Amino acid sequence: MAEFRLYCFAQSGNAFKAALMLNLCGADWEPRFVDFFNGEARTPEYRALNVMGEVPLLEHAGGRLAQSGVILDFLAERFGRFGAADADERREILRWLLFDNHKLTSYIATLRFMLQFAKTGETPVTEFLLGRMKGALGVLNTHLETHRFAIGDNASIADLSMCGYLYWPDEFGVDWADYPNVGRWLAAIAALP
C-alpha cells in the first residue's frame, strides 16, 4: 500500500492540485477514483470519510485531510518543498491561496462545470462567472508581469493551487494570448521536474 492515498477523479482541478504536488515531491501515492458524476461523493459512506462530500481527500498515516489548500500546505511542510522561506512568504502564499479559492478557482470551476458538464449553454449566470473570471485572470496576469511565479522566482503551493483548472482553457473559453503572462507562468509550472 502506498504512503498516501488521494481520493480524486480526473476532471477535478482541485484534485489535480494535490496530485501535481504529490508528483513534484516524488511521493509514494496512489489515486482512489471517486465516481463523482454518479453521486459517490454524496453517499453516506463517502460523507463518513469527508463530511463536505468533496474531492480531493488525502489519506496519510491513518489521518485524512480535505480541501486542496490544506492538503498543499500539509505536503509542503511534510516534504519541505514549495513552502515559505519565512513568515512574510507564508503570508504571501496564504494571500494567493485565498485569492485562488475565492476569486479564481471558484469562478472558473463553476463556469467550467456549467458549460462542460451541466451543458447549460450561455446564461446570465455563466455571463456573470465569465466576467468575474476575466477580472481574476487580469489580476493574476498583471501580477505575473513582474514575477516569475506567484511569490517570486520559485514555485510555491500558491502556484500549484492557482494552476489547478487553468490547463483546460478551451473548456471555459479563454485564450492565453489574452493573458500572456499567465500562459508563460503555466508553461513554467509544466516544466517543473
N, C-alpha and C. Protein backbone atom coordinates (compact mmCIF):
# COMPACT_ATOMS: atom_id res chain seq x y z
N MET A 1 0.84 -1.18 0.00
CA MET A 1 0.00 0.00 0.00
C MET A 1 0.89 1.25 0.00
N ALA A 2 0.47 2.23 -0.76
CA ALA A 2 1.22 3.48 -0.87
C ALA A 2 1.13 4.29 0.43
N GLU A 3 2.08 5.18 0.64
CA GLU A 3 2.09 6.02 1.82
C GLU A 3 0.93 7.01 1.83
N PHE A 4 0.54 7.49 0.65
CA PHE A 4 -0.55 8.44 0.52
C PHE A 4 -1.61 7.87 -0.42
N ARG A 5 -2.87 8.12 -0.10
CA ARG A 5 -3.97 7.78 -1.00
C ARG A 5 -4.76 9.07 -1.24
N LEU A 6 -4.95 9.38 -2.51
CA LEU A 6 -5.68 10.58 -2.89
C LEU A 6 -7.01 10.18 -3.53
N TYR A 7 -8.10 10.55 -2.86
CA TYR A 7 -9.44 10.35 -3.42
C TYR A 7 -9.64 11.46 -4.45
N CYS A 8 -9.91 11.07 -5.69
CA CYS A 8 -9.90 12.04 -6.78
C CYS A 8 -10.66 11.53 -7.99
N PHE A 9 -10.83 12.40 -8.96
CA PHE A 9 -11.30 12.00 -10.28
C PHE A 9 -10.66 12.96 -11.28
N ALA A 10 -10.51 12.49 -12.50
CA ALA A 10 -9.67 13.19 -13.48
C ALA A 10 -10.15 14.59 -13.83
N GLN A 11 -11.44 14.86 -13.78
CA GLN A 11 -11.94 16.15 -14.20
C GLN A 11 -11.83 17.22 -13.12
N SER A 12 -11.40 16.88 -11.95
CA SER A 12 -11.32 17.84 -10.84
C SER A 12 -9.99 18.58 -10.84
N GLY A 13 -10.05 19.88 -11.08
CA GLY A 13 -8.85 20.70 -10.98
C GLY A 13 -8.32 20.76 -9.56
N ASN A 14 -9.21 20.67 -8.57
CA ASN A 14 -8.76 20.68 -7.17
C ASN A 14 -7.99 19.40 -6.86
N ALA A 15 -8.44 18.27 -7.38
CA ALA A 15 -7.70 17.02 -7.20
C ALA A 15 -6.36 17.09 -7.95
N PHE A 16 -6.38 17.74 -9.13
CA PHE A 16 -5.15 17.90 -9.90
C PHE A 16 -4.08 18.62 -9.08
N LYS A 17 -4.49 19.64 -8.32
CA LYS A 17 -3.54 20.40 -7.49
C LYS A 17 -2.78 19.47 -6.55
N ALA A 18 -3.53 18.62 -5.85
CA ALA A 18 -2.91 17.71 -4.89
C ALA A 18 -2.07 16.65 -5.60
N ALA A 19 -2.57 16.12 -6.70
CA ALA A 19 -1.82 15.11 -7.45
C ALA A 19 -0.53 15.70 -8.01
N LEU A 20 -0.60 16.93 -8.50
CA LEU A 20 0.61 17.59 -9.01
C LEU A 20 1.64 17.74 -7.90
N MET A 21 1.21 18.17 -6.74
CA MET A 21 2.14 18.34 -5.61
C MET A 21 2.75 17.00 -5.22
N LEU A 22 1.95 15.97 -5.13
CA LEU A 22 2.47 14.64 -4.80
C LEU A 22 3.51 14.19 -5.82
N ASN A 23 3.23 14.41 -7.10
CA ASN A 23 4.18 14.04 -8.15
C ASN A 23 5.46 14.86 -8.08
N LEU A 24 5.33 16.17 -7.91
CA LEU A 24 6.51 17.04 -7.85
C LEU A 24 7.40 16.71 -6.66
N CYS A 25 6.79 16.21 -5.59
CA CYS A 25 7.56 15.86 -4.39
C CYS A 25 8.08 14.42 -4.42
N GLY A 26 7.74 13.67 -5.45
CA GLY A 26 8.18 12.28 -5.55
C GLY A 26 7.55 11.39 -4.50
N ALA A 27 6.34 11.72 -4.08
CA ALA A 27 5.66 10.97 -3.02
C ALA A 27 5.26 9.58 -3.51
N ASP A 28 5.20 8.66 -2.58
CA ASP A 28 4.66 7.32 -2.82
C ASP A 28 3.15 7.43 -2.61
N TRP A 29 2.41 7.53 -3.72
CA TRP A 29 0.97 7.75 -3.59
C TRP A 29 0.19 6.95 -4.61
N GLU A 30 -1.08 6.78 -4.31
CA GLU A 30 -1.98 6.09 -5.23
C GLU A 30 -3.30 6.86 -5.30
N PRO A 31 -3.90 6.88 -6.49
CA PRO A 31 -5.21 7.51 -6.60
C PRO A 31 -6.30 6.53 -6.20
N ARG A 32 -7.38 7.07 -5.68
CA ARG A 32 -8.59 6.28 -5.42
C ARG A 32 -9.72 7.03 -6.13
N PHE A 33 -10.19 6.46 -7.24
CA PHE A 33 -11.21 7.10 -8.06
C PHE A 33 -12.50 7.29 -7.28
N VAL A 34 -13.02 8.50 -7.33
CA VAL A 34 -14.32 8.82 -6.76
C VAL A 34 -15.28 9.04 -7.94
N ASP A 35 -16.34 8.27 -7.99
CA ASP A 35 -17.30 8.37 -9.08
C ASP A 35 -18.24 9.55 -8.83
N PHE A 36 -17.66 10.72 -8.93
CA PHE A 36 -18.35 11.97 -8.59
C PHE A 36 -19.62 12.18 -9.41
N PHE A 37 -19.54 11.96 -10.71
CA PHE A 37 -20.67 12.27 -11.58
C PHE A 37 -21.84 11.30 -11.40
N ASN A 38 -21.60 10.17 -10.76
CA ASN A 38 -22.70 9.26 -10.43
C ASN A 38 -23.06 9.32 -8.95
N GLY A 39 -22.59 10.37 -8.27
CA GLY A 39 -23.06 10.66 -6.92
C GLY A 39 -22.32 10.03 -5.76
N GLU A 40 -21.16 9.40 -6.00
CA GLU A 40 -20.47 8.74 -4.89
C GLU A 40 -20.13 9.70 -3.76
N ALA A 41 -19.77 10.93 -4.09
CA ALA A 41 -19.36 11.89 -3.05
C ALA A 41 -20.53 12.29 -2.14
N ARG A 42 -21.75 12.00 -2.55
CA ARG A 42 -22.92 12.33 -1.73
C ARG A 42 -23.43 11.14 -0.92
N THR A 43 -22.77 9.99 -1.05
CA THR A 43 -23.23 8.80 -0.33
C THR A 43 -22.84 8.88 1.15
N PRO A 44 -23.59 8.20 2.01
CA PRO A 44 -23.22 8.18 3.44
C PRO A 44 -21.81 7.62 3.67
N GLU A 45 -21.42 6.65 2.85
CA GLU A 45 -20.08 6.06 3.02
C GLU A 45 -18.98 7.09 2.76
N TYR A 46 -19.15 7.87 1.69
CA TYR A 46 -18.13 8.87 1.39
C TYR A 46 -18.20 10.02 2.39
N ARG A 47 -19.41 10.43 2.77
CA ARG A 47 -19.56 11.51 3.76
C ARG A 47 -18.97 11.10 5.11
N ALA A 48 -18.89 9.82 5.38
CA ALA A 48 -18.23 9.36 6.61
C ALA A 48 -16.72 9.62 6.54
N LEU A 49 -16.17 9.62 5.33
CA LEU A 49 -14.75 9.93 5.13
C LEU A 49 -14.52 11.45 5.09
N ASN A 50 -15.44 12.15 4.42
CA ASN A 50 -15.32 13.60 4.24
C ASN A 50 -16.71 14.20 4.31
N VAL A 51 -17.02 14.80 5.43
CA VAL A 51 -18.35 15.36 5.65
C VAL A 51 -18.74 16.39 4.58
N MET A 52 -17.73 17.02 3.96
CA MET A 52 -18.01 18.01 2.92
C MET A 52 -18.42 17.37 1.60
N GLY A 53 -18.18 16.09 1.44
CA GLY A 53 -18.56 15.40 0.22
C GLY A 53 -17.84 15.91 -1.01
N GLU A 54 -16.57 16.21 -0.87
CA GLU A 54 -15.79 16.78 -1.97
C GLU A 54 -14.50 15.98 -2.20
N VAL A 55 -13.89 16.23 -3.32
CA VAL A 55 -12.53 15.78 -3.58
C VAL A 55 -11.71 17.04 -3.79
N PRO A 56 -10.44 16.97 -3.49
CA PRO A 56 -9.68 15.81 -3.06
C PRO A 56 -9.82 15.52 -1.57
N LEU A 57 -9.47 14.31 -1.25
CA LEU A 57 -9.33 13.87 0.13
C LEU A 57 -8.04 13.07 0.19
N LEU A 58 -7.16 13.43 1.10
CA LEU A 58 -5.85 12.77 1.21
C LEU A 58 -5.81 11.95 2.48
N GLU A 59 -5.46 10.67 2.34
CA GLU A 59 -5.23 9.81 3.50
C GLU A 59 -3.74 9.60 3.66
N HIS A 60 -3.29 9.70 4.91
CA HIS A 60 -1.88 9.51 5.22
C HIS A 60 -1.75 9.13 6.69
N ALA A 61 -1.06 8.06 6.96
CA ALA A 61 -0.73 7.63 8.33
C ALA A 61 -1.96 7.60 9.24
N GLY A 62 -3.07 7.11 8.70
CA GLY A 62 -4.28 6.98 9.49
C GLY A 62 -5.12 8.24 9.60
N GLY A 63 -4.66 9.34 9.04
CA GLY A 63 -5.41 10.59 9.08
C GLY A 63 -5.94 10.96 7.71
N ARG A 64 -6.87 11.91 7.71
CA ARG A 64 -7.45 12.39 6.45
C ARG A 64 -7.45 13.91 6.44
N LEU A 65 -7.17 14.45 5.27
CA LEU A 65 -7.22 15.90 5.06
C LEU A 65 -8.09 16.19 3.85
N ALA A 66 -8.96 17.18 4.00
CA ALA A 66 -9.79 17.64 2.90
C ALA A 66 -9.41 19.08 2.58
N GLN A 67 -9.86 19.55 1.42
CA GLN A 67 -9.61 20.89 0.90
C GLN A 67 -8.19 20.97 0.32
N SER A 68 -8.11 21.32 -0.94
CA SER A 68 -6.83 21.30 -1.65
C SER A 68 -5.79 22.22 -1.02
N GLY A 69 -6.18 23.39 -0.56
CA GLY A 69 -5.21 24.30 0.06
C GLY A 69 -4.60 23.72 1.32
N VAL A 70 -5.39 23.06 2.12
CA VAL A 70 -4.90 22.42 3.35
C VAL A 70 -3.97 21.27 2.99
N ILE A 71 -4.36 20.51 1.98
CA ILE A 71 -3.52 19.39 1.54
C ILE A 71 -2.18 19.91 1.02
N LEU A 72 -2.20 20.95 0.21
CA LEU A 72 -0.95 21.53 -0.30
C LEU A 72 -0.06 22.02 0.84
N ASP A 73 -0.66 22.70 1.81
CA ASP A 73 0.10 23.20 2.96
C ASP A 73 0.72 22.05 3.73
N PHE A 74 -0.04 21.00 3.99
CA PHE A 74 0.47 19.82 4.69
C PHE A 74 1.64 19.19 3.93
N LEU A 75 1.47 19.01 2.63
CA LEU A 75 2.53 18.37 1.84
C LEU A 75 3.78 19.24 1.75
N ALA A 76 3.61 20.56 1.68
CA ALA A 76 4.77 21.45 1.68
C ALA A 76 5.57 21.29 2.96
N GLU A 77 4.87 21.20 4.07
CA GLU A 77 5.55 21.00 5.36
C GLU A 77 6.17 19.62 5.43
N ARG A 78 5.45 18.62 4.98
CA ARG A 78 5.91 17.22 5.06
C ARG A 78 7.16 16.98 4.22
N PHE A 79 7.18 17.58 3.01
CA PHE A 79 8.30 17.34 2.09
C PHE A 79 9.34 18.46 2.09
N GLY A 80 9.04 19.56 2.74
CA GLY A 80 9.97 20.68 2.75
C GLY A 80 10.16 21.30 1.38
N ARG A 81 9.11 21.27 0.57
CA ARG A 81 9.18 21.81 -0.79
C ARG A 81 7.96 22.67 -1.07
N PHE A 82 8.15 23.71 -1.85
CA PHE A 82 7.08 24.58 -2.33
C PHE A 82 6.39 25.37 -1.22
N GLY A 83 7.04 25.45 -0.07
CA GLY A 83 6.51 26.23 1.04
C GLY A 83 7.22 27.56 1.15
N ALA A 84 7.02 28.21 2.27
CA ALA A 84 7.58 29.54 2.51
C ALA A 84 8.95 29.45 3.18
N ALA A 85 9.80 30.42 2.84
CA ALA A 85 11.12 30.51 3.46
C ALA A 85 11.07 31.25 4.79
N ASP A 86 10.03 32.10 4.97
CA ASP A 86 9.91 32.87 6.21
C ASP A 86 8.45 33.29 6.39
N ALA A 87 8.19 34.01 7.46
CA ALA A 87 6.81 34.41 7.79
C ALA A 87 6.20 35.32 6.73
N ASP A 88 6.99 36.21 6.15
CA ASP A 88 6.47 37.09 5.10
C ASP A 88 6.03 36.29 3.88
N GLU A 89 6.85 35.33 3.47
CA GLU A 89 6.48 34.48 2.34
C GLU A 89 5.25 33.65 2.67
N ARG A 90 5.15 33.17 3.89
CA ARG A 90 3.97 32.38 4.29
C ARG A 90 2.70 33.20 4.11
N ARG A 91 2.74 34.46 4.51
CA ARG A 91 1.56 35.32 4.34
C ARG A 91 1.27 35.56 2.86
N GLU A 92 2.30 35.72 2.05
CA GLU A 92 2.10 35.91 0.61
C GLU A 92 1.48 34.65 0.00
N ILE A 93 1.99 33.49 0.38
CA ILE A 93 1.40 32.24 -0.11
C ILE A 93 -0.06 32.17 0.32
N LEU A 94 -0.34 32.47 1.56
CA LEU A 94 -1.71 32.45 2.06
C LEU A 94 -2.59 33.44 1.28
N ARG A 95 -2.06 34.61 1.00
CA ARG A 95 -2.81 35.61 0.24
C ARG A 95 -3.23 35.06 -1.12
N TRP A 96 -2.30 34.42 -1.83
CA TRP A 96 -2.61 33.89 -3.16
C TRP A 96 -3.47 32.63 -3.08
N LEU A 97 -3.31 31.82 -2.04
CA LEU A 97 -4.21 30.67 -1.86
C LEU A 97 -5.65 31.15 -1.66
N LEU A 98 -5.83 32.18 -0.84
CA LEU A 98 -7.16 32.71 -0.61
C LEU A 98 -7.72 33.38 -1.87
N PHE A 99 -6.87 34.10 -2.58
CA PHE A 99 -7.29 34.68 -3.87
C PHE A 99 -7.78 33.57 -4.80
N ASP A 100 -7.00 32.49 -4.87
CA ASP A 100 -7.37 31.38 -5.73
C ASP A 100 -8.73 30.83 -5.33
N ASN A 101 -8.90 30.52 -4.07
CA ASN A 101 -10.13 29.89 -3.61
C ASN A 101 -11.35 30.79 -3.76
N HIS A 102 -11.18 32.09 -3.61
CA HIS A 102 -12.32 32.99 -3.62
C HIS A 102 -12.53 33.72 -4.94
N LYS A 103 -11.50 33.93 -5.71
CA LYS A 103 -11.60 34.76 -6.91
C LYS A 103 -11.27 34.04 -8.21
N LEU A 104 -10.50 33.00 -8.16
CA LEU A 104 -10.04 32.36 -9.39
C LEU A 104 -10.72 31.01 -9.58
N THR A 105 -10.33 30.03 -8.79
CA THR A 105 -10.90 28.70 -8.93
C THR A 105 -12.41 28.70 -8.72
N SER A 106 -12.89 29.48 -7.78
CA SER A 106 -14.33 29.45 -7.51
C SER A 106 -15.14 29.80 -8.75
N TYR A 107 -14.71 30.80 -9.51
CA TYR A 107 -15.44 31.19 -10.70
C TYR A 107 -15.16 30.27 -11.88
N ILE A 108 -13.89 29.94 -12.09
CA ILE A 108 -13.53 29.11 -13.24
C ILE A 108 -14.12 27.72 -13.11
N ALA A 109 -14.00 27.10 -11.96
CA ALA A 109 -14.51 25.74 -11.78
C ALA A 109 -16.02 25.70 -11.96
N THR A 110 -16.71 26.69 -11.44
CA THR A 110 -18.16 26.73 -11.57
C THR A 110 -18.56 26.96 -13.02
N LEU A 111 -17.90 27.89 -13.69
CA LEU A 111 -18.19 28.16 -15.10
C LEU A 111 -17.92 26.91 -15.94
N ARG A 112 -16.77 26.29 -15.72
CA ARG A 112 -16.42 25.08 -16.47
C ARG A 112 -17.46 23.98 -16.24
N PHE A 113 -17.86 23.79 -14.99
CA PHE A 113 -18.86 22.76 -14.70
C PHE A 113 -20.16 23.04 -15.45
N MET A 114 -20.60 24.28 -15.40
CA MET A 114 -21.87 24.61 -16.06
C MET A 114 -21.80 24.40 -17.57
N LEU A 115 -20.70 24.83 -18.18
CA LEU A 115 -20.57 24.72 -19.63
C LEU A 115 -20.26 23.31 -20.11
N GLN A 116 -19.35 22.62 -19.43
CA GLN A 116 -18.87 21.32 -19.91
C GLN A 116 -19.66 20.12 -19.41
N PHE A 117 -20.16 20.20 -18.20
CA PHE A 117 -20.78 19.02 -17.60
C PHE A 117 -22.29 19.18 -17.43
N ALA A 118 -22.75 20.33 -16.98
CA ALA A 118 -24.19 20.57 -16.86
C ALA A 118 -24.79 20.97 -18.21
N LYS A 119 -23.94 21.39 -19.14
CA LYS A 119 -24.36 21.77 -20.50
C LYS A 119 -25.47 22.83 -20.49
N THR A 120 -25.29 23.86 -19.66
CA THR A 120 -26.29 24.91 -19.56
C THR A 120 -26.31 25.84 -20.75
N GLY A 121 -25.21 25.88 -21.51
CA GLY A 121 -25.09 26.90 -22.53
C GLY A 121 -24.89 28.25 -21.85
N GLU A 122 -24.89 29.29 -22.64
CA GLU A 122 -24.71 30.63 -22.07
C GLU A 122 -25.99 31.07 -21.38
N THR A 123 -25.85 31.53 -20.17
CA THR A 123 -26.97 32.02 -19.36
C THR A 123 -26.51 33.30 -18.67
N PRO A 124 -27.39 34.03 -18.03
CA PRO A 124 -26.94 35.18 -17.24
C PRO A 124 -25.93 34.78 -16.16
N VAL A 125 -26.07 33.59 -15.61
CA VAL A 125 -25.13 33.14 -14.59
C VAL A 125 -23.76 32.89 -15.21
N THR A 126 -23.70 32.23 -16.35
CA THR A 126 -22.39 31.99 -16.97
C THR A 126 -21.75 33.29 -17.42
N GLU A 127 -22.55 34.25 -17.86
CA GLU A 127 -22.00 35.56 -18.23
C GLU A 127 -21.40 36.26 -17.01
N PHE A 128 -22.07 36.17 -15.87
CA PHE A 128 -21.55 36.74 -14.63
C PHE A 128 -20.23 36.07 -14.25
N LEU A 129 -20.21 34.73 -14.29
CA LEU A 129 -18.99 33.99 -13.94
C LEU A 129 -17.85 34.32 -14.90
N LEU A 130 -18.16 34.46 -16.17
CA LEU A 130 -17.15 34.80 -17.17
C LEU A 130 -16.53 36.16 -16.85
N GLY A 131 -17.35 37.12 -16.50
CA GLY A 131 -16.83 38.44 -16.14
C GLY A 131 -15.94 38.39 -14.91
N ARG A 132 -16.36 37.65 -13.91
CA ARG A 132 -15.55 37.51 -12.69
C ARG A 132 -14.24 36.78 -12.98
N MET A 133 -14.32 35.74 -13.80
CA MET A 133 -13.12 35.00 -14.16
C MET A 133 -12.13 35.90 -14.90
N LYS A 134 -12.62 36.69 -15.85
CA LYS A 134 -11.73 37.58 -16.60
C LYS A 134 -11.08 38.60 -15.67
N GLY A 135 -11.82 39.10 -14.70
CA GLY A 135 -11.24 40.03 -13.73
C GLY A 135 -10.12 39.39 -12.93
N ALA A 136 -10.35 38.16 -12.46
CA ALA A 136 -9.34 37.46 -11.67
C ALA A 136 -8.11 37.13 -12.51
N LEU A 137 -8.33 36.69 -13.75
CA LEU A 137 -7.20 36.41 -14.63
C LEU A 137 -6.42 37.68 -14.94
N GLY A 138 -7.11 38.80 -15.04
CA GLY A 138 -6.43 40.07 -15.26
C GLY A 138 -5.53 40.44 -14.10
N VAL A 139 -6.01 40.22 -12.88
CA VAL A 139 -5.20 40.46 -11.68
C VAL A 139 -3.96 39.58 -11.70
N LEU A 140 -4.14 38.30 -11.97
CA LEU A 140 -3.01 37.37 -12.00
C LEU A 140 -2.04 37.73 -13.12
N ASN A 141 -2.55 38.04 -14.30
CA ASN A 141 -1.70 38.41 -15.43
C ASN A 141 -0.85 39.64 -15.12
N THR A 142 -1.47 40.64 -14.50
CA THR A 142 -0.73 41.85 -14.13
C THR A 142 0.35 41.54 -13.10
N HIS A 143 0.02 40.74 -12.10
CA HIS A 143 1.00 40.37 -11.08
C HIS A 143 2.19 39.64 -11.71
N LEU A 144 1.90 38.77 -12.65
CA LEU A 144 2.96 37.96 -13.26
C LEU A 144 3.82 38.74 -14.25
N GLU A 145 3.49 39.99 -14.52
CA GLU A 145 4.37 40.84 -15.34
C GLU A 145 5.72 41.01 -14.67
N THR A 146 5.74 41.03 -13.36
CA THR A 146 6.98 41.29 -12.62
C THR A 146 7.39 40.14 -11.71
N HIS A 147 6.72 39.00 -11.85
CA HIS A 147 7.04 37.83 -11.02
C HIS A 147 7.08 36.59 -11.91
N ARG A 148 8.11 35.79 -11.74
CA ARG A 148 8.18 34.52 -12.49
C ARG A 148 7.10 33.57 -11.99
N PHE A 149 6.96 33.51 -10.65
CA PHE A 149 5.93 32.70 -10.01
C PHE A 149 5.16 33.62 -9.06
N ALA A 150 4.18 33.11 -8.38
CA ALA A 150 3.28 33.95 -7.58
C ALA A 150 4.01 34.79 -6.55
N ILE A 151 5.02 34.21 -5.91
CA ILE A 151 5.69 34.99 -4.85
C ILE A 151 7.17 35.22 -5.14
N GLY A 152 7.59 35.04 -6.37
CA GLY A 152 8.99 35.33 -6.68
C GLY A 152 9.55 34.42 -7.75
N ASP A 153 10.80 34.01 -7.56
CA ASP A 153 11.49 33.24 -8.58
C ASP A 153 11.27 31.74 -8.49
N ASN A 154 10.68 31.28 -7.39
CA ASN A 154 10.49 29.84 -7.20
C ASN A 154 9.01 29.51 -7.06
N ALA A 155 8.64 28.37 -7.59
CA ALA A 155 7.25 27.92 -7.48
C ALA A 155 6.93 27.60 -6.03
N SER A 156 5.68 27.85 -5.67
CA SER A 156 5.20 27.53 -4.33
C SER A 156 3.83 26.88 -4.44
N ILE A 157 3.28 26.50 -3.30
CA ILE A 157 1.94 25.91 -3.32
C ILE A 157 0.90 26.91 -3.81
N ALA A 158 1.20 28.20 -3.75
CA ALA A 158 0.28 29.19 -4.32
C ALA A 158 0.15 28.97 -5.82
N ASP A 159 1.26 28.73 -6.50
CA ASP A 159 1.22 28.47 -7.93
C ASP A 159 0.48 27.16 -8.23
N LEU A 160 0.78 26.13 -7.45
CA LEU A 160 0.16 24.83 -7.69
C LEU A 160 -1.34 24.90 -7.44
N SER A 161 -1.76 25.75 -6.53
CA SER A 161 -3.18 25.92 -6.28
C SER A 161 -3.84 26.67 -7.44
N MET A 162 -3.26 27.78 -7.83
CA MET A 162 -3.90 28.60 -8.86
C MET A 162 -3.93 27.95 -10.24
N CYS A 163 -3.00 27.06 -10.53
CA CYS A 163 -2.96 26.47 -11.88
C CYS A 163 -3.95 25.33 -12.04
N GLY A 164 -4.58 24.88 -10.98
CA GLY A 164 -5.38 23.66 -10.99
C GLY A 164 -6.38 23.50 -12.11
N TYR A 165 -7.08 24.56 -12.47
CA TYR A 165 -8.08 24.47 -13.54
C TYR A 165 -7.61 25.11 -14.84
N LEU A 166 -6.45 25.72 -14.84
CA LEU A 166 -6.07 26.56 -15.97
C LEU A 166 -5.47 25.82 -17.16
N TYR A 167 -5.24 24.53 -17.02
CA TYR A 167 -4.70 23.78 -18.16
C TYR A 167 -5.80 23.31 -19.12
N TRP A 168 -7.06 23.73 -18.91
CA TRP A 168 -8.17 23.40 -19.79
C TRP A 168 -8.85 24.68 -20.29
N PRO A 169 -8.11 25.63 -20.87
CA PRO A 169 -8.71 26.93 -21.22
C PRO A 169 -9.86 26.82 -22.22
N ASP A 170 -9.80 25.84 -23.10
CA ASP A 170 -10.88 25.69 -24.07
C ASP A 170 -12.20 25.31 -23.41
N GLU A 171 -12.15 24.75 -22.21
CA GLU A 171 -13.37 24.33 -21.52
C GLU A 171 -14.07 25.47 -20.79
N PHE A 172 -13.42 26.62 -20.68
CA PHE A 172 -14.09 27.77 -20.06
C PHE A 172 -13.90 29.04 -20.88
N GLY A 173 -13.45 28.89 -22.12
CA GLY A 173 -13.47 29.97 -23.09
C GLY A 173 -12.41 31.04 -22.93
N VAL A 174 -11.15 30.63 -22.73
CA VAL A 174 -10.06 31.59 -22.58
C VAL A 174 -8.97 31.27 -23.59
N ASP A 175 -8.35 32.30 -24.11
CA ASP A 175 -7.18 32.18 -24.97
C ASP A 175 -6.03 32.82 -24.21
N TRP A 176 -4.96 32.08 -23.96
CA TRP A 176 -3.85 32.62 -23.17
C TRP A 176 -3.14 33.76 -23.90
N ALA A 177 -3.39 33.94 -25.18
CA ALA A 177 -2.84 35.12 -25.87
C ALA A 177 -3.40 36.40 -25.25
N ASP A 178 -4.58 36.32 -24.66
CA ASP A 178 -5.17 37.48 -23.98
C ASP A 178 -4.57 37.72 -22.60
N TYR A 179 -3.90 36.71 -22.07
CA TYR A 179 -3.26 36.77 -20.75
C TYR A 179 -1.87 36.14 -20.87
N PRO A 180 -0.96 36.79 -21.63
CA PRO A 180 0.32 36.15 -21.97
C PRO A 180 1.18 35.80 -20.76
N ASN A 181 1.11 36.59 -19.70
CA ASN A 181 1.92 36.26 -18.52
C ASN A 181 1.41 35.01 -17.83
N VAL A 182 0.11 34.81 -17.86
CA VAL A 182 -0.46 33.58 -17.31
C VAL A 182 -0.01 32.39 -18.15
N GLY A 183 -0.06 32.53 -19.46
CA GLY A 183 0.39 31.45 -20.34
C GLY A 183 1.86 31.09 -20.11
N ARG A 184 2.72 32.10 -19.97
CA ARG A 184 4.13 31.86 -19.69
C ARG A 184 4.31 31.15 -18.35
N TRP A 185 3.59 31.61 -17.33
CA TRP A 185 3.65 31.03 -15.99
C TRP A 185 3.20 29.57 -16.00
N LEU A 186 2.11 29.27 -16.73
CA LEU A 186 1.65 27.88 -16.82
C LEU A 186 2.71 26.99 -17.47
N ALA A 187 3.40 27.51 -18.48
CA ALA A 187 4.48 26.75 -19.10
C ALA A 187 5.62 26.52 -18.12
N ALA A 188 5.91 27.51 -17.28
CA ALA A 188 6.98 27.34 -16.27
C ALA A 188 6.60 26.29 -15.24
N ILE A 189 5.33 26.24 -14.87
CA ILE A 189 4.89 25.20 -13.93
C ILE A 189 4.97 23.83 -14.60
N ALA A 190 4.50 23.75 -15.83
CA ALA A 190 4.54 22.48 -16.55
C ALA A 190 5.96 21.97 -16.75
N ALA A 191 6.94 22.86 -16.75
CA ALA A 191 8.34 22.47 -16.95
C ALA A 191 9.04 22.06 -15.65
N LEU A 192 8.36 22.17 -14.51
CA LEU A 192 8.99 21.75 -13.25
C LEU A 192 9.31 20.26 -13.31
N PRO A 193 10.47 19.87 -12.77
CA PRO A 193 10.81 18.43 -12.85
C PRO A 193 9.91 17.57 -11.98
